[in-house]
Amino acid sequence: MGCCFSEPVDFDGDINLWHFDLHRVVGKGAFGKVRVVEHKKSNQLYALKYIDKSSCIRQKAVANIIQERRLLEEHPFVVNLRYAFQDDGNCFFVLDLMLGGDLRFHLERFPVVPEEVVRFWVAELCLAINHLHRHKIVHRDIKPDNILLDEAGHAHLTDFNVALHYSATRKHSSVAGSMPYMAPQVIGRKGYSWEIDYWSLGVTAYELLFRRRPFKARTAEKLAHAITKSSVKFPEDASEKCSPEGQDALKSFIERDPSRRLGCVPLDQQIADVRCHRWFASIDWKKLEAKECQPPFVPDMQSANFDVAHELDEFLMVEKPLTHSKRKVNPDDLNKLKPELRQLEEQFTPYDHTRTRRSSYYPHNQPVSTVSMDMPRSDSADLALMPTIVEPSRSNTPLPLGRSTPSP
């Protein structure tokens, strides 16, 4: 089968964009978009995440993209990377297609998310988080936007843009992630490890249940103070939406002291610690891990589980549309490229799941420090901040957050 302009496709050659038919856009991230694609030979549908190189370089995120590429290849249990490649303008991840949408979409679509649904998602995510931690990875950006549902309703962690291999011998101090979900140890640069993921999971669960976050403020400084100093409080109607057991679990996840936080025990005991909490008494963990439990919420596959505005952007050419194009970069001329482009050419290596054996990467932890202060639409009046780049620091001084900047 051929591509546009009747050019033949070499399926025996290196994987590239010509191997796919491009379908609709289903998501948008900091550096690019996600769209449905179809492999021309297998007719298999995938999610194509494409990242604009110029935006990546401008936001000083080259190390993030390369690290995400490596982590995705190594850990298929959390997200299955099928292909990776690049052209002159973009880096591409081809992932299993999750047609159920992300939890931010469902949070904004439905007025109430039942407790049994949230409990099921949290239990599945605990298994995913534990898998990461056992492979010495901390996600650092768990939030509704980064949790995808498959067609059956099972939850999957995605977006490893700021994930890193944690050290068993020292704490990390770089600031990364989305501020409203950050643990106090990240914001205060007090030194942290994998325990911060359970805090973010607790904040996510709180938001799903009560449609608000446990800590709110109108400025970044006040939000940082609330996260590091204030105690967790529940809305007046909390008992109508969440059982006492559920509220206790949330408090245990959103526990400021990592040594007392739910799940924050030795790695081989994490799931046992969560499983023993009374909120999860009804969960059959063996069946859950085998994906044999029937999810209490199944996405409506007759309608789009994503914001159609993403596709409208390209249709109206608000942004440069994605097209097939031949490469101009000559591998023999890499020395002529700017340092960042050369780094991407050399380190964002191709991957084809039908040919390539998975590698094990344990690179030095590069300082990856993108901080996103994104807020859902319902909280935009409380804190509307543009994404911010914060330089990593080993000091124990509080996060030096500037004045709030209104979003356009």
Protein backbone atom coordinates (compact mmCIF):
# COMPACT_ATOMS: atom_id res chain seq x y z
CA MET A 1 0.00 0.00 0.00
CA GLY A 2 1.23 3.50 -0.73
CA CYS A 3 1.18 6.82 1.08
CA CYS A 4 0.02 10.15 -0.23
CA PHE A 5 1.50 11.12 -3.61
CA SER A 6 1.46 7.35 -4.42
CA GLU A 7 4.90 6.91 -2.89
CA PRO A 8 5.54 3.27 -1.91
CA VAL A 9 6.03 2.41 1.74
CA ASP A 10 9.03 0.31 2.73
CA PHE A 11 7.66 -1.77 5.59
CA ASP A 12 10.99 -3.60 5.80
CA GLY A 13 12.83 -0.36 6.46
CA ASP A 14 12.99 1.76 9.60
CA ILE A 15 9.66 2.76 11.12
CA ASN A 16 8.48 6.23 10.12
CA LEU A 17 5.35 8.31 9.76
CA TRP A 18 4.71 7.00 6.24
CA HIS A 19 3.80 3.63 7.80
CA PHE A 20 0.65 5.18 9.28
CA ASP A 21 -2.58 6.78 8.15
CA LEU A 22 -3.36 9.84 10.25
CA HIS A 23 -6.81 10.08 11.83
CA ARG A 24 -8.40 12.48 14.30
CA VAL A 25 -6.68 14.46 17.07
CA VAL A 26 -7.72 13.28 20.54
CA GLY A 27 -5.50 15.19 22.95
CA LYS A 28 -3.07 18.04 23.49
CA GLY A 29 -0.04 18.33 25.76
CA ALA A 30 2.66 20.84 26.59
CA PHE A 31 4.76 20.21 23.48
CA GLY A 32 2.46 18.51 20.97
CA LYS A 33 -0.68 16.52 20.37
CA VAL A 34 -2.05 13.00 20.43
CA ARG A 35 -3.98 11.57 17.50
CA VAL A 36 -5.33 8.24 16.36
CA VAL A 37 -3.27 6.56 13.65
CA GLU A 38 -3.63 3.30 11.75
CA HIS A 39 -0.70 1.12 10.75
CA LYS A 40 -1.08 0.60 7.01
CA LYS A 41 0.15 -2.99 7.00
CA SER A 42 -1.49 -4.40 10.14
CA ASN A 43 -4.52 -2.05 10.17
CA GLN A 44 -3.95 -1.75 13.92
CA LEU A 45 -5.07 1.49 15.57
CA TYR A 46 -2.67 3.31 17.91
CA ALA A 47 -2.28 6.62 19.71
CA LEU A 48 0.43 8.78 18.15
CA LYS A 49 1.98 11.30 20.53
CA TYR A 50 4.03 13.82 18.58
CA ILE A 51 6.24 16.46 20.11
CA ASP A 52 7.41 19.54 18.26
CA LYS A 53 11.20 19.74 18.49
CA SER A 54 11.37 23.54 18.36
CA SER A 55 8.90 23.88 21.26
CA CYS A 56 10.76 21.21 23.17
CA ILE A 57 14.07 23.06 22.75
CA ARG A 58 12.50 26.45 23.51
CA GLN A 59 11.11 25.13 26.81
CA LYS A 60 14.40 23.38 27.65
CA ALA A 61 12.74 19.98 27.78
CA VAL A 62 15.02 17.86 25.59
CA ALA A 63 16.15 15.77 28.56
CA ASN A 64 12.50 15.19 29.54
CA ILE A 65 11.58 13.84 26.12
CA ILE A 66 14.59 11.53 25.91
CA GLN A 67 13.98 10.19 29.40
CA GLU A 68 10.30 9.59 28.67
CA ARG A 69 11.30 7.66 25.55
CA ARG A 70 13.57 5.39 27.59
CA LEU A 71 11.14 4.83 30.45
CA LEU A 72 8.27 3.95 28.13
CA GLU A 73 10.29 1.30 26.35
CA GLU A 74 11.36 -0.28 29.60
CA HIS A 75 7.98 -0.50 31.32
CA PRO A 76 5.20 -1.88 29.13
CA PHE A 77 3.03 -2.84 32.12
CA VAL A 78 2.07 0.79 32.67
CA VAL A 79 2.00 1.96 29.08
CA ASN A 80 2.83 -0.03 25.96
CA LEU A 81 5.23 1.69 23.60
CA ARG A 82 4.93 0.10 20.16
CA TYR A 83 7.10 2.38 18.05
CA ALA A 84 9.34 5.43 18.44
CA PHE A 85 10.91 7.53 15.69
CA GLN A 86 11.45 11.12 14.58
CA ASP A 87 11.46 13.35 11.54
CA ASP A 88 13.00 16.79 11.08
CA GLY A 89 10.27 18.57 13.05
CA ASN A 90 8.86 16.08 15.57
CA CYS A 91 9.58 13.18 17.90
CA PHE A 92 6.95 10.44 17.80
CA PHE A 93 5.67 7.91 20.36
CA VAL A 94 3.24 5.27 19.07
CA LEU A 95 1.31 3.83 22.03
CA ASP A 96 -1.57 1.49 22.67
CA LEU A 97 -4.80 3.35 22.03
CA MET A 98 -6.85 4.09 25.12
CA LEU A 99 -10.26 5.03 23.75
CA GLY A 100 -11.90 5.55 27.13
CA GLY A 101 -10.46 9.03 27.58
CA ASP A 102 -8.61 10.56 30.52
CA LEU A 103 -10.08 11.13 33.97
CA ARG A 104 -10.01 14.93 33.56
CA PHE A 105 -12.46 14.56 30.68
CA HIS A 106 -14.80 12.38 32.72
CA LEU A 107 -14.45 14.60 35.80
CA GLU A 108 -15.64 17.58 33.78
CA ARG A 109 -18.34 15.59 31.98
CA PHE A 110 -20.14 13.98 34.92
CA PRO A 111 -21.48 15.84 37.99
CA VAL A 112 -20.68 12.93 40.32
CA VAL A 113 -18.11 10.15 40.21
CA PRO A 114 -19.38 7.37 42.55
CA GLU A 115 -17.14 6.26 45.38
CA GLU A 116 -17.00 2.65 44.17
CA VAL A 117 -15.66 3.86 40.82
CA VAL A 118 -12.95 6.01 42.42
CA ARG A 119 -11.98 3.17 44.77
CA PHE A 120 -11.59 0.78 41.82
CA TRP A 121 -9.41 3.24 39.88
CA VAL A 122 -7.25 3.97 42.94
CA ALA A 123 -6.69 0.25 43.56
CA GLU A 124 -5.61 -0.31 39.95
CA LEU A 125 -3.34 2.72 40.07
CA CYS A 126 -1.72 1.47 43.26
CA LEU A 127 -0.72 -1.66 41.36
CA ALA A 128 0.72 0.45 38.54
CA ILE A 129 2.58 2.75 40.96
CA ASN A 130 3.99 -0.21 42.87
CA HIS A 131 5.22 -1.71 39.60
CA LEU A 132 7.04 1.53 38.79
CA HIS A 133 8.57 1.80 42.23
CA ARG A 134 9.84 -1.76 42.14
CA HIS A 135 11.65 -0.79 38.95
CA LYS A 136 13.07 2.31 40.69
CA ILE A 137 10.89 4.81 38.85
CA VAL A 138 8.95 7.68 40.39
CA HIS A 139 6.27 9.17 38.12
CA ARG A 140 6.12 12.67 39.70
CA ASP A 141 3.04 13.86 37.80
CA ILE A 142 0.04 11.75 38.79
CA LYS A 143 -3.21 13.65 38.16
CA PRO A 144 -6.52 13.03 36.37
CA ASP A 145 -5.08 14.25 33.06
CA ASN A 146 -2.43 11.50 33.12
CA ILE A 147 -4.76 8.59 33.83
CA LEU A 148 -6.34 6.96 30.78
CA LEU A 149 -9.18 4.47 30.56
CA ASP A 150 -9.29 1.64 28.06
CA GLU A 151 -12.52 0.54 26.39
CA ALA A 152 -13.40 -1.71 29.33
CA GLY A 153 -12.84 1.01 31.95
CA HIS A 154 -9.46 -0.04 33.38
CA ALA A 155 -7.15 2.80 34.48
CA HIS A 156 -3.64 3.27 33.08
CA LEU A 157 -0.88 5.72 34.00
CA THR A 158 0.57 7.72 31.14
CA ASP A 159 2.84 10.73 30.46
CA PHE A 160 6.29 9.98 31.82
CA ASN A 161 7.66 13.35 30.76
CA VAL A 162 9.06 14.19 34.20
CA ALA A 163 9.50 10.67 35.57
CA LEU A 164 12.95 9.60 36.73
CA HIS A 165 14.90 6.69 38.14
CA TYR A 166 15.12 7.38 41.84
CA SER A 167 18.21 6.75 43.89
CA ALA A 168 18.24 4.33 46.79
CA THR A 169 21.07 6.23 48.44
CA ARG A 170 20.04 9.87 48.17
CA LYS A 171 16.92 11.99 48.05
CA HIS A 172 15.96 14.09 45.04
CA SER A 173 15.38 17.82 45.24
CA SER A 174 14.49 18.95 41.70
CA VAL A 175 11.01 20.43 41.38
CA ALA A 176 8.84 18.72 38.78
CA GLY A 177 5.18 17.98 38.14
CA SER A 178 1.91 19.88 38.47
CA MET A 179 1.91 22.09 41.52
CA PRO A 180 -1.59 21.39 42.92
CA TYR A 181 -0.69 17.67 43.10
CA MET A 182 2.86 18.07 44.43
CA ALA A 183 3.80 16.60 47.78
CA PRO A 184 5.16 19.01 50.43
CA GLN A 185 8.60 17.42 50.08
CA VAL A 186 8.74 18.48 46.41
CA ILE A 187 7.53 22.05 46.92
CA GLY A 188 9.76 22.60 49.95
CA ARG A 189 12.77 20.89 48.36
CA LYS A 190 13.18 18.85 51.52
CA GLY A 191 14.34 15.79 49.61
CA TYR A 192 11.98 13.11 48.34
CA SER A 193 11.75 9.67 46.76
CA TRP A 194 8.95 7.43 45.45
CA GLU A 195 6.63 8.31 48.38
CA ILE A 196 5.47 11.45 46.59
CA ASP A 197 3.44 9.42 44.05
CA TYR A 198 1.02 8.23 46.75
CA TRP A 199 0.41 11.82 47.86
CA SER A 200 -0.46 12.80 44.28
CA LEU A 201 -2.74 9.78 44.00
CA GLY A 202 -4.55 10.87 47.16
CA VAL A 203 -5.05 14.41 45.85
CA THR A 204 -6.36 12.95 42.58
CA ALA A 205 -8.82 10.68 44.39
CA TYR A 206 -10.02 13.60 46.55
CA GLU A 207 -10.65 15.68 43.43
CA LEU A 208 -12.55 12.88 41.70
CA LEU A 209 -14.82 12.41 44.70
CA PHE A 210 -15.47 16.03 45.66
CA ARG A 211 -14.82 17.91 42.38
CA ARG A 212 -12.29 20.12 44.14
CA ARG A 213 -8.80 19.68 45.51
CA PRO A 214 -7.92 19.52 49.19
CA PHE A 215 -5.73 22.64 48.94
CA LYS A 216 -6.88 25.80 47.16
CA ALA A 217 -5.44 29.31 46.88
CA ARG A 218 -5.46 32.30 44.57
CA THR A 219 -1.69 32.61 44.21
CA ALA A 220 1.14 30.15 43.85
CA GLU A 221 2.74 31.28 47.10
CA LYS A 222 -0.47 30.73 49.07
CA LEU A 223 -1.02 27.35 47.42
CA ALA A 224 2.51 26.28 48.34
CA HIS A 225 1.87 27.38 51.93
CA ALA A 226 -1.42 25.48 52.07
CA ILE A 227 0.14 22.25 50.78
CA THR A 228 3.06 22.41 53.19
CA LYS A 229 1.19 23.66 56.27
CA SER A 230 -2.59 23.13 56.13
CA SER A 231 -4.41 19.98 57.18
CA VAL A 232 -6.81 18.09 54.94
CA LYS A 233 -10.43 19.11 55.36
CA PHE A 234 -13.53 17.67 53.72
CA PRO A 235 -16.55 19.51 52.27
CA GLU A 236 -19.69 19.77 54.40
CA ASP A 237 -21.47 17.23 52.20
CA ALA A 238 -18.52 14.80 52.22
CA SER A 239 -20.50 12.05 53.97
CA GLU A 240 -22.94 12.03 51.04
CA LYS A 241 -20.15 11.30 48.55
CA CYS A 242 -17.62 9.27 50.49
CA SER A 243 -17.76 6.77 53.35
CA PRO A 244 -15.79 7.23 56.59
CA GLU A 245 -13.45 4.49 55.37
CA GLY A 246 -12.86 6.39 52.14
CA GLN A 247 -12.20 9.65 53.94
CA ASP A 248 -9.71 7.88 56.19
CA ALA A 249 -7.92 6.45 53.14
CA LEU A 250 -7.68 9.91 51.57
CA LYS A 251 -6.23 11.36 54.76
CA SER A 252 -3.75 8.48 54.88
CA PHE A 253 -2.58 9.14 51.31
CA ILE A 254 -2.48 12.91 51.82
CA GLU A 255 -0.33 12.55 54.93
CA ARG A 256 2.41 15.16 55.20
CA ASP A 257 4.81 12.78 56.94
CA PRO A 258 6.00 10.23 54.31
CA SER A 259 6.75 7.64 57.00
CA ARG A 260 3.04 7.60 57.92
CA ARG A 261 1.63 7.90 54.39
CA LEU A 262 -0.48 5.00 53.11
CA GLY A 263 1.57 2.75 50.84
CA CYS A 264 4.86 4.25 51.97
CA VAL A 265 6.43 1.15 53.46
CA PRO A 266 9.21 -1.09 52.09
CA LEU A 267 8.63 -1.82 48.41
CA ASP A 268 7.71 -5.47 48.90
CA GLN A 269 4.98 -4.42 51.37
CA GLN A 270 3.38 -1.48 49.51
CA ILE A 271 0.39 -3.33 48.08
CA ALA A 272 -0.13 -5.23 51.35
CA ASP A 273 -0.24 -1.91 53.20
CA VAL A 274 -2.88 -0.53 50.83
CA ARG A 275 -4.80 -3.81 50.67
CA CYS A 276 -5.15 -3.94 54.44
CA HIS A 277 -6.93 -0.60 54.60
CA ARG A 278 -10.63 -1.13 55.22
CA TRP A 279 -11.61 1.04 52.23
CA PHE A 280 -10.28 -1.69 49.93
CA ALA A 281 -11.90 -4.61 51.79
CA SER A 282 -14.17 -5.40 48.83
CA ILE A 283 -11.31 -5.56 46.28
CA ASP A 284 -10.16 -8.97 45.01
CA TRP A 285 -6.53 -8.02 44.43
CA LYS A 286 -5.53 -11.18 42.54
CA LYS A 287 -8.34 -10.73 40.03
CA LEU A 288 -7.65 -7.01 39.90
CA GLU A 289 -4.02 -7.53 38.94
CA ALA A 290 -5.07 -10.01 36.24
CA LYS A 291 -7.66 -7.49 34.97
CA GLU A 292 -10.38 -10.03 35.66
CA CYS A 293 -12.51 -7.64 37.74
CA GLN A 294 -15.38 -5.91 35.97
CA PRO A 295 -14.80 -2.13 36.16
CA PRO A 296 -17.79 -0.35 37.77
CA PHE A 297 -17.62 2.34 35.07
CA VAL A 298 -17.41 1.55 31.35
CA PRO A 299 -16.83 4.50 28.98
CA ASP A 300 -19.45 5.19 26.34
CA MET A 301 -17.73 4.12 23.15
CA GLN A 302 -20.51 5.50 20.99
CA SER A 303 -19.30 9.02 21.65
CA ALA A 304 -15.89 10.70 21.68
CA ASN A 305 -14.18 10.55 25.06
CA PHE A 306 -12.02 13.59 24.36
CA ASP A 307 -12.31 17.30 23.68
CA VAL A 308 -13.11 17.81 20.00
CA ALA A 309 -11.57 21.28 20.21
CA HIS A 310 -8.13 19.67 19.83
CA GLU A 311 -9.03 18.55 16.33
CA LEU A 312 -10.66 21.90 15.53
CA ASP A 313 -7.32 23.63 16.22
CA GLU A 314 -5.68 21.78 13.37
CA PHE A 315 -8.71 22.06 11.10
CA LEU A 316 -8.62 25.83 11.45
CA MET A 317 -4.82 25.73 11.14
CA VAL A 318 -4.39 27.49 14.48
CA GLU A 319 -1.32 25.31 14.73
CA LYS A 320 0.78 23.67 12.04
CA PRO A 321 -0.98 20.45 11.00
CA LEU A 322 0.91 17.16 11.05
CA THR A 323 1.86 15.88 7.60
CA HIS A 324 4.05 13.14 6.13
CA SER A 325 7.39 14.54 5.02
CA LYS A 326 10.75 13.22 3.90
CA ARG A 327 13.74 13.67 6.17
CA LYS A 328 16.32 16.27 5.25
CA VAL A 329 18.73 15.60 8.11
CA ASN A 330 21.73 13.60 6.97
CA PRO A 331 23.12 11.27 9.68
CA ASP A 332 26.61 12.10 8.43
CA ASP A 333 26.08 15.82 9.12
CA LEU A 334 25.00 15.71 12.77
CA ASN A 335 27.97 17.87 13.79
CA LYS A 336 26.41 20.72 11.84
CA LEU A 337 23.24 20.68 13.92
CA LYS A 338 22.59 22.80 16.99
CA PRO A 339 23.49 20.92 20.20
CA GLU A 340 19.88 20.27 21.25
CA LEU A 341 18.85 18.93 17.84
CA ARG A 342 21.93 16.74 17.73
CA GLN A 343 21.07 15.37 21.18
CA LEU A 344 17.59 14.43 20.00
CA GLU A 345 18.96 12.81 16.84
CA GLU A 346 21.44 10.73 18.82
CA GLN A 347 19.45 9.85 21.93
CA PHE A 348 15.79 9.65 20.82
CA THR A 349 16.48 6.29 19.22
CA PRO A 350 14.04 4.38 16.96
CA TYR A 351 11.98 1.57 18.45
CA ASP A 352 9.85 -1.11 16.76
CA HIS A 353 8.17 -3.61 19.09
CA THR A 354 8.16 -6.25 16.33
CA ARG A 355 11.94 -6.14 16.02
CA THR A 356 13.66 -4.41 18.90
CA ARG A 357 14.43 -6.11 22.19
CA ARG A 358 13.60 -3.96 25.16
CA SER A 359 16.62 -2.32 26.69
CA SER A 360 17.36 -1.53 30.30
CA TYR A 361 18.29 2.09 30.88
CA TYR A 362 19.62 3.38 34.15
CA PRO A 363 20.96 6.79 33.11
CA HIS A 364 22.19 9.38 35.51
CA ASN A 365 19.17 11.32 36.71
CA GLN A 366 19.18 14.39 34.56
CA PRO A 367 17.77 17.54 36.16
CA VAL A 368 14.26 17.45 34.72
CA SER A 369 12.33 20.34 36.14
CA THR A 370 9.15 21.30 34.33
CA VAL A 371 6.54 22.57 36.77
CA SER A 372 2.98 22.84 35.53
CA MET A 373 0.56 24.96 37.49
CA ASP A 374 -2.44 23.94 35.46
CA MET A 375 -5.88 24.12 37.03
CA PRO A 376 -9.15 22.64 35.85
CA ARG A 377 -11.74 25.03 34.48
CA SER A 378 -13.67 24.97 37.74
CA ASP A 379 -10.66 26.34 39.65
CA SER A 380 -9.47 28.87 37.09
CA ALA A 381 -10.66 31.78 39.23
CA ASP A 382 -8.60 30.56 42.17
CA LEU A 383 -5.26 30.18 40.44
CA ALA A 384 -4.69 30.69 36.72
CA LEU A 385 -0.98 30.27 36.05
CA MET A 386 1.05 29.63 32.95
CA PRO A 387 3.34 26.57 32.93
CA THR A 388 6.61 27.49 34.58
CA ILE A 389 10.15 26.19 34.28
CA VAL A 390 11.91 25.99 37.63
CA GLU A 391 15.60 25.25 37.74
CA PRO A 392 16.56 22.22 39.88
CA SER A 393 18.25 22.91 43.16
CA ARG A 394 19.83 20.81 45.87
CA SER A 395 19.15 23.44 48.51
CA ASN A 396 16.47 23.02 51.14
CA THR A 397 15.03 26.49 50.61
CA PRO A 398 11.34 26.82 49.76
CA LEU A 399 10.29 26.87 46.15
CA PRO A 400 10.84 30.46 44.89
CA LEU A 401 7.52 30.96 43.14
CA GLY A 402 6.97 34.28 41.40
CA ARG A 403 3.83 36.34 41.07
CA SER A 404 0.85 34.68 39.49
CA THR A 405 0.52 35.18 35.76
CA PRO A 406 -3.00 35.12 34.32
CA SER A 407 -3.57 32.70 31.51
CA PRO A 408 -4.51 34.30 28.21
